[in-house]
Amino acid sequence: MKTIGEKLRDLRNIYGLSQREFGEKIGVARGSINSYENNVNPLTQGVKWKILQGTGIGFDYFDTDMSLNEAFIKYGIDPSKKLEFKETKESICAVYKGINNFMDGKCEQEPLNIKSWFLDSLFEGIGKFDICFINVSHNELEPYAKNNEILVVVRDGNLKNGDKIIIDFKGSILVVQYFKEFDEIRLQTLSGKENKLKESDFKKEIKILAIIKGKIC
């Protein structure tokens, strides 16, 4: 029986997509696709839902011993024809009380499905990604955010120069601005201080918790 990661790789390959291209289709970073395919991290229900929207193949392909050919037959997909992704129409939204609950995955209520076009109209370029709202408390993200302000973030996304990110650096939770040039990463605090690291050291020492897409005061 194939692993879930192997099944995901088979599905991606039959569409003729690289990990980055596949991730862009469903709103997941290339690194996450790689970790799923290599069984480093478990494939989440949210990602399965995105795959269902894009390909028409349901959860049971991953959750049972169903083969890819059996999935094509069950869901009426003809692999002899050119396979194309359908546009992602819904994203999953969750609300968290504080950064610690966000890190632990403890949301206030059951996550909701919201139309992607609606999110895109509020926060440009966010529509394909699952979105989280963090209600800041206990002065945990000062000076960037005050208590009861709400941060709009994504856990998964492709980092761009200038993005504000929430990181865990040796147990300290910080908001910094991210810049990359060749193999050097530059992190800038809100006070203007900079920390430069080699990309290899950045991956070892720093955990990216979220990419900030907006703030509601």
Protein backbone atom coordinates (compact mmCIF):
# COMPACT_ATOMS: atom_id res chain seq x y z
CA MET A 1 0.00 0.00 0.00
CA LYS A 2 1.37 3.39 -0.97
CA THR A 3 1.89 6.11 1.60
CA ILE A 4 -0.18 9.29 1.47
CA GLY A 5 2.93 11.14 0.35
CA GLU A 6 3.45 8.75 -2.56
CA LYS A 7 -0.19 9.14 -3.55
CA LEU A 8 0.15 12.90 -3.54
CA ARG A 9 3.27 12.68 -5.71
CA ASP A 10 1.48 10.35 -8.16
CA LEU A 11 -1.41 12.80 -8.43
CA ARG A 12 0.88 15.78 -8.96
CA ASN A 13 2.94 13.97 -11.58
CA ILE A 14 -0.04 12.91 -13.65
CA TYR A 15 -0.97 16.59 -13.91
CA GLY A 16 2.59 17.29 -15.07
CA LEU A 17 3.22 19.91 -12.39
CA SER A 18 6.28 20.72 -10.32
CA GLN A 19 5.88 20.96 -6.55
CA ARG A 20 5.82 24.75 -6.79
CA GLU A 21 3.25 24.74 -9.61
CA PHE A 22 1.03 22.26 -7.78
CA GLY A 23 1.28 24.30 -4.60
CA GLU A 24 0.34 27.50 -6.41
CA LYS A 25 -2.77 25.79 -7.77
CA ILE A 26 -4.05 24.89 -4.32
CA GLY A 27 -2.55 27.70 -2.24
CA VAL A 28 0.20 25.75 -0.46
CA ALA A 29 3.91 26.56 -0.35
CA ARG A 30 6.33 24.34 -2.29
CA GLY A 31 8.13 23.40 0.91
CA SER A 32 4.91 22.06 2.41
CA ILE A 33 4.16 20.00 -0.69
CA ASN A 34 7.65 18.53 -0.42
CA SER A 35 7.15 17.68 3.27
CA TYR A 36 3.79 16.01 2.52
CA GLU A 37 5.22 13.96 -0.33
CA ASN A 38 8.10 12.77 1.82
CA ASN A 39 5.78 12.00 4.76
CA VAL A 40 7.55 14.51 7.00
CA ASN A 41 4.24 16.20 7.87
CA PRO A 42 0.75 14.64 7.63
CA LEU A 43 -1.48 15.83 4.81
CA THR A 44 -4.09 18.10 6.43
CA GLN A 45 -7.84 18.01 5.88
CA GLY A 46 -7.61 21.55 4.55
CA VAL A 47 -5.15 20.53 1.83
CA LYS A 48 -7.30 17.51 0.93
CA TRP A 49 -10.23 19.89 0.56
CA LYS A 50 -8.21 22.12 -1.77
CA ILE A 51 -7.22 19.09 -3.84
CA LEU A 52 -10.86 18.03 -4.04
CA GLN A 53 -11.82 21.47 -5.33
CA GLY A 54 -9.04 21.48 -7.90
CA THR A 55 -9.11 17.90 -9.17
CA GLY A 56 -12.46 16.42 -8.18
CA ILE A 57 -10.73 13.58 -6.31
CA GLY A 58 -12.14 13.02 -2.83
CA PHE A 59 -10.63 12.34 0.58
CA ASP A 60 -10.98 8.57 0.25
CA TYR A 61 -8.15 8.47 -2.29
CA PHE A 62 -5.80 9.46 0.53
CA ASP A 63 -7.64 7.83 3.44
CA THR A 64 -8.02 4.31 1.99
CA ASP A 65 -6.00 1.94 -0.18
CA MET A 66 -7.72 3.30 -3.30
CA SER A 67 -5.39 3.55 -6.29
CA LEU A 68 -5.21 6.61 -8.50
CA ASN A 69 -6.85 4.72 -11.39
CA GLU A 70 -9.67 3.63 -9.07
CA ALA A 71 -10.11 7.26 -7.99
CA PHE A 72 -10.35 8.39 -11.61
CA ILE A 73 -13.05 5.78 -12.26
CA LYS A 74 -15.02 6.63 -9.10
CA TYR A 75 -14.99 10.37 -9.76
CA GLY A 76 -15.57 10.14 -13.50
CA ILE A 77 -12.21 11.57 -14.58
CA ASP A 78 -10.66 10.51 -17.90
CA PRO A 79 -6.85 10.61 -17.51
CA SER A 80 -6.38 10.06 -21.26
CA LYS A 81 -7.57 13.63 -21.80
CA LYS A 82 -5.65 16.72 -20.76
CA LEU A 83 -6.12 17.17 -17.02
CA GLU A 84 -6.63 20.70 -15.80
CA PHE A 85 -7.11 22.14 -12.32
CA LYS A 86 -10.38 23.83 -11.54
CA GLU A 87 -10.24 27.22 -9.89
CA THR A 88 -10.21 27.17 -6.09
CA LYS A 89 -13.50 28.66 -4.94
CA GLU A 90 -13.40 28.32 -1.17
CA SER A 91 -10.85 28.88 1.59
CA ILE A 92 -10.90 27.72 5.19
CA CYS A 93 -10.92 30.42 7.87
CA ALA A 94 -10.23 29.99 11.58
CA VAL A 95 -10.18 32.38 14.56
CA TYR A 96 -7.65 32.12 17.40
CA LYS A 97 -7.53 33.86 20.77
CA GLY A 98 -3.86 34.72 21.13
CA ILE A 99 -0.67 33.56 19.48
CA ASN A 100 -0.25 30.52 21.77
CA ASN A 101 -3.60 29.07 20.75
CA PHE A 102 -2.67 29.74 17.13
CA MET A 103 0.59 27.83 17.57
CA ASP A 104 -1.27 24.96 19.26
CA GLY A 105 -4.01 24.89 16.61
CA LYS A 106 -6.77 25.63 19.16
CA CYS A 107 -9.31 27.79 17.35
CA GLU A 108 -12.27 29.50 19.02
CA GLN A 109 -14.92 27.79 16.87
CA GLU A 110 -15.08 25.29 14.04
CA PRO A 111 -13.29 26.65 10.95
CA LEU A 112 -15.54 28.08 8.26
CA ASN A 113 -15.48 27.78 4.48
CA ILE A 114 -15.54 31.23 2.87
CA LYS A 115 -15.62 32.09 -0.82
CA SER A 116 -12.11 32.78 -2.06
CA TRP A 117 -13.19 35.75 -4.18
CA PHE A 118 -14.50 37.46 -1.04
CA LEU A 119 -11.18 37.09 0.77
CA ASP A 120 -9.30 38.24 -2.32
CA SER A 121 -11.39 41.40 -2.45
CA LEU A 122 -10.35 42.22 1.13
CA PHE A 123 -6.75 41.01 1.10
CA GLU A 124 -5.18 40.93 -2.34
CA GLY A 125 -3.65 37.61 -3.39
CA ILE A 126 -4.89 35.68 -0.36
CA GLY A 127 -7.88 33.93 -1.92
CA LYS A 128 -6.32 30.52 -2.54
CA PHE A 129 -4.81 30.24 0.92
CA ASP A 130 -6.43 29.17 4.17
CA ILE A 131 -6.63 32.23 6.39
CA CYS A 132 -6.38 32.70 10.16
CA PHE A 133 -7.47 35.58 12.36
CA ILE A 134 -5.43 36.01 15.55
CA ASN A 135 -7.02 38.13 18.29
CA VAL A 136 -3.92 39.54 19.99
CA SER A 137 -3.81 39.39 23.80
CA HIS A 138 -1.40 39.69 26.76
CA ASN A 139 0.83 42.24 24.98
CA GLU A 140 2.33 39.29 23.12
CA LEU A 141 3.08 40.97 19.78
CA GLU A 142 3.91 44.53 20.78
CA PRO A 143 4.93 46.89 19.34
CA TYR A 144 3.48 45.61 16.05
CA ALA A 145 0.01 44.80 17.38
CA LYS A 146 -1.86 45.93 20.48
CA ASN A 147 -4.24 43.90 22.60
CA ASN A 148 -7.57 43.12 20.87
CA GLU A 149 -6.23 44.01 17.44
CA ILE A 150 -6.67 41.21 14.93
CA LEU A 151 -3.93 39.93 12.67
CA VAL A 152 -4.86 38.35 9.36
CA VAL A 153 -2.30 35.65 8.59
CA VAL A 154 -1.62 32.56 6.51
CA ARG A 155 0.33 29.60 7.81
CA ASP A 156 1.35 28.54 4.35
CA GLY A 157 2.48 30.77 1.55
CA ASN A 158 5.37 31.74 -0.64
CA LEU A 159 7.51 34.34 1.11
CA LYS A 160 8.25 37.55 -0.75
CA ASN A 161 10.72 40.32 0.03
CA GLY A 162 9.13 42.82 2.38
CA ASP A 163 6.66 40.37 3.94
CA LYS A 164 6.03 40.77 7.65
CA ILE A 165 6.24 37.41 9.39
CA ILE A 166 5.73 35.99 12.86
CA ILE A 167 8.71 33.88 13.90
CA ASP A 168 9.83 31.71 16.78
CA PHE A 169 13.48 32.48 17.50
CA LYS A 170 14.88 30.51 20.43
CA GLY A 171 11.52 30.57 22.19
CA SER A 172 10.83 34.27 21.57
CA ILE A 173 7.87 35.18 19.36
CA LEU A 174 8.69 38.17 17.15
CA VAL A 175 7.27 40.11 14.22
CA VAL A 176 9.95 40.95 11.66
CA GLN A 177 10.19 41.99 8.04
CA TYR A 178 11.74 39.44 5.69
CA PHE A 179 14.22 40.09 2.87
CA LYS A 180 16.24 37.61 0.83
CA GLU A 181 19.19 38.27 -1.46
CA PHE A 182 20.95 35.26 -2.95
CA ASP A 183 21.71 32.94 0.00
CA GLU A 184 21.44 35.63 2.69
CA ILE A 185 18.33 36.33 4.76
CA ARG A 186 17.87 39.73 6.36
CA LEU A 187 15.34 40.15 9.17
CA GLN A 188 14.41 43.68 10.18
CA THR A 189 12.62 44.52 13.41
CA LEU A 190 10.07 47.30 13.70
CA SER A 191 12.69 49.42 15.46
CA GLY A 192 14.97 49.14 12.43
CA LYS A 193 17.48 46.65 13.82
CA GLU A 194 18.68 44.04 11.35
CA ASN A 195 19.86 40.48 11.70
CA LYS A 196 21.58 38.80 8.75
CA LEU A 197 21.81 35.04 8.43
CA LYS A 198 22.83 32.54 5.82
CA GLU A 199 19.81 30.78 4.39
CA SER A 200 20.98 27.46 5.86
CA ASP A 201 21.25 29.01 9.35
CA PHE A 202 17.87 30.69 8.95
CA LYS A 203 16.22 27.32 8.29
CA LYS A 204 17.94 25.76 11.31
CA GLU A 205 17.42 28.52 13.87
CA ILE A 206 14.13 30.15 12.98
CA LYS A 207 10.62 28.77 12.66
CA ILE A 208 8.19 30.80 10.57
CA LEU A 209 4.80 30.68 12.28
CA ALA A 210 2.81 32.82 9.86
CA ILE A 211 2.91 35.42 7.12
CA ILE A 212 0.98 38.56 8.02
CA LYS A 213 -1.46 39.71 5.34
CA GLY A 214 -3.26 42.45 7.21
CA LYS A 215 -4.28 43.94 10.54
CA ILE A 216 -7.71 44.94 11.82
CA CYS A 217 -7.54 47.64 14.49
